[in-house]
Amino acid sequence: MKTKSIISFLSILLLTNAALAGRVYFATGSGGICVGQFDDKTGKLSGLEQVYEMENASFLGAHPALPVLYVAAPPKKEGSGIGSVVALKINPEGSLALLNQRSAEGIATCHVGTDPSGGIVMAANYVSGSVVSFRAQEDGSLSERVSLNQHEGSGENPKRQEGPHAHSVFSNPAGTYAYVPDLGIDKVMIYQIDAAEGSLIPSGSVDVPGGGIGPRHMKWAADGKYAYVLNELDLSVSVFKAGKECGALEWIATKSIFPEGADRERMSSAEIRIHPNGKYIYLSVRDLAGKGRDAISVFSAFELGFDRIATVSAQVGVPRNFNLDPSGRWLLAGGQRSKNLAIFKVDPGTGLLEFSETLDFESGPVCIEFIRD
């Protein structure tokens, strides 16, 4: 009987993974969360529908093993109150059901993620400049808050760096440390991860050189040797190598992600992704003035030169977020202002992008999350 139960469980798990493969979720602010089916052979998105209503669905993060989606949910009016983290169960047909919701205990919750094991869920609070953590329970729901760490300080830009602004939180591939780019203080704060307890333990910081550059998001190379930090305020990307001491980062270089001499007035960088083959880095630039300068830049990875290969039109207005599908053959960029989605074909050999089409949304996509089997 026990053997039959195990076989039955594995069969259900395999069927669930098969159903989830190719599915992509979109957070659309006041439009809630939508889901569609993406065909990585044709680059076509189909069956798009709203599956969960929320007042302000912001960043999404998928549990690495369970059919659970986490949502960073700031108040409807950003900067006006305490945000929350929402845990949603992904049903086999794609709908979402509430598991539970916890206060993020900070203002303007802007990012959520897990460690590689899925044992700890972490969220960054932008306005209050803090990072919070929870344990992920057996069904993926959130425990009571375990740790809350408040950042301190300010930066050189009086309008954007009057205080700390934790913008995201990412684990290293080993799941031993978490890193929080703080736009307000030009630092990446470092925390030791205690996955069993669900806590983040302060473990120092590293400066992002330049002054007033505003680190926003970051990504790790799969082997854990290098980390790339996207700097929002000066449209640049910095590369760090893992230090000799546990959790440490050592700065190597910073490069512009936008062509030199180009008009940068009211321009802001937003998202960074690494191609599944590890050879290319993609970064988005938002034109806050609405002049059509929104773009996506392509860089070679550090070990391949760390050079800007190309910058192409994003084909949408304000690409706050974009993502690569698991096959690495397609890139989807969301237009927060233009309320549409651009689909690009990716050449895995060169990293270059070829525009395919745009699709209209009722509300602008602000985050895109593929469910990987």
Foldseek 3Di string as FASTA:
>chain_A
DVVVVVVVVVVVLVLLQVLQAQKKWFQFFQLGIWIWGADLVVRDTDDIDHQDGDNTFAAWEAQLRFQKIKTWAAPNPAPPDWTKIWIWHQDSNGHTDGPDMATQPAGQWHEWYAFNNSQKIKTFHFPQQKIWMFGQDPNRDTDYTQDIGGDFDFFDDVVRQVTWGFAYKDAFLVRQKIWTQTQGHQKIWIFGADSVRNDTHGDGIDHNPDTNQGWHDKDAQNVQQKIWTAGWRQQKIWIWGDDPDPRDTHTDDMDHQDDPPDDCVQKTKADWDAQPVRFKIKTWMARPVPPQPTWIWIFTDVVVPRGTDDIDRQPAHGQNEKDARPVSQKIWTWHQVRQKIWIWGADVVRRDTHTDDMGHHPGTGNYMDRDHD
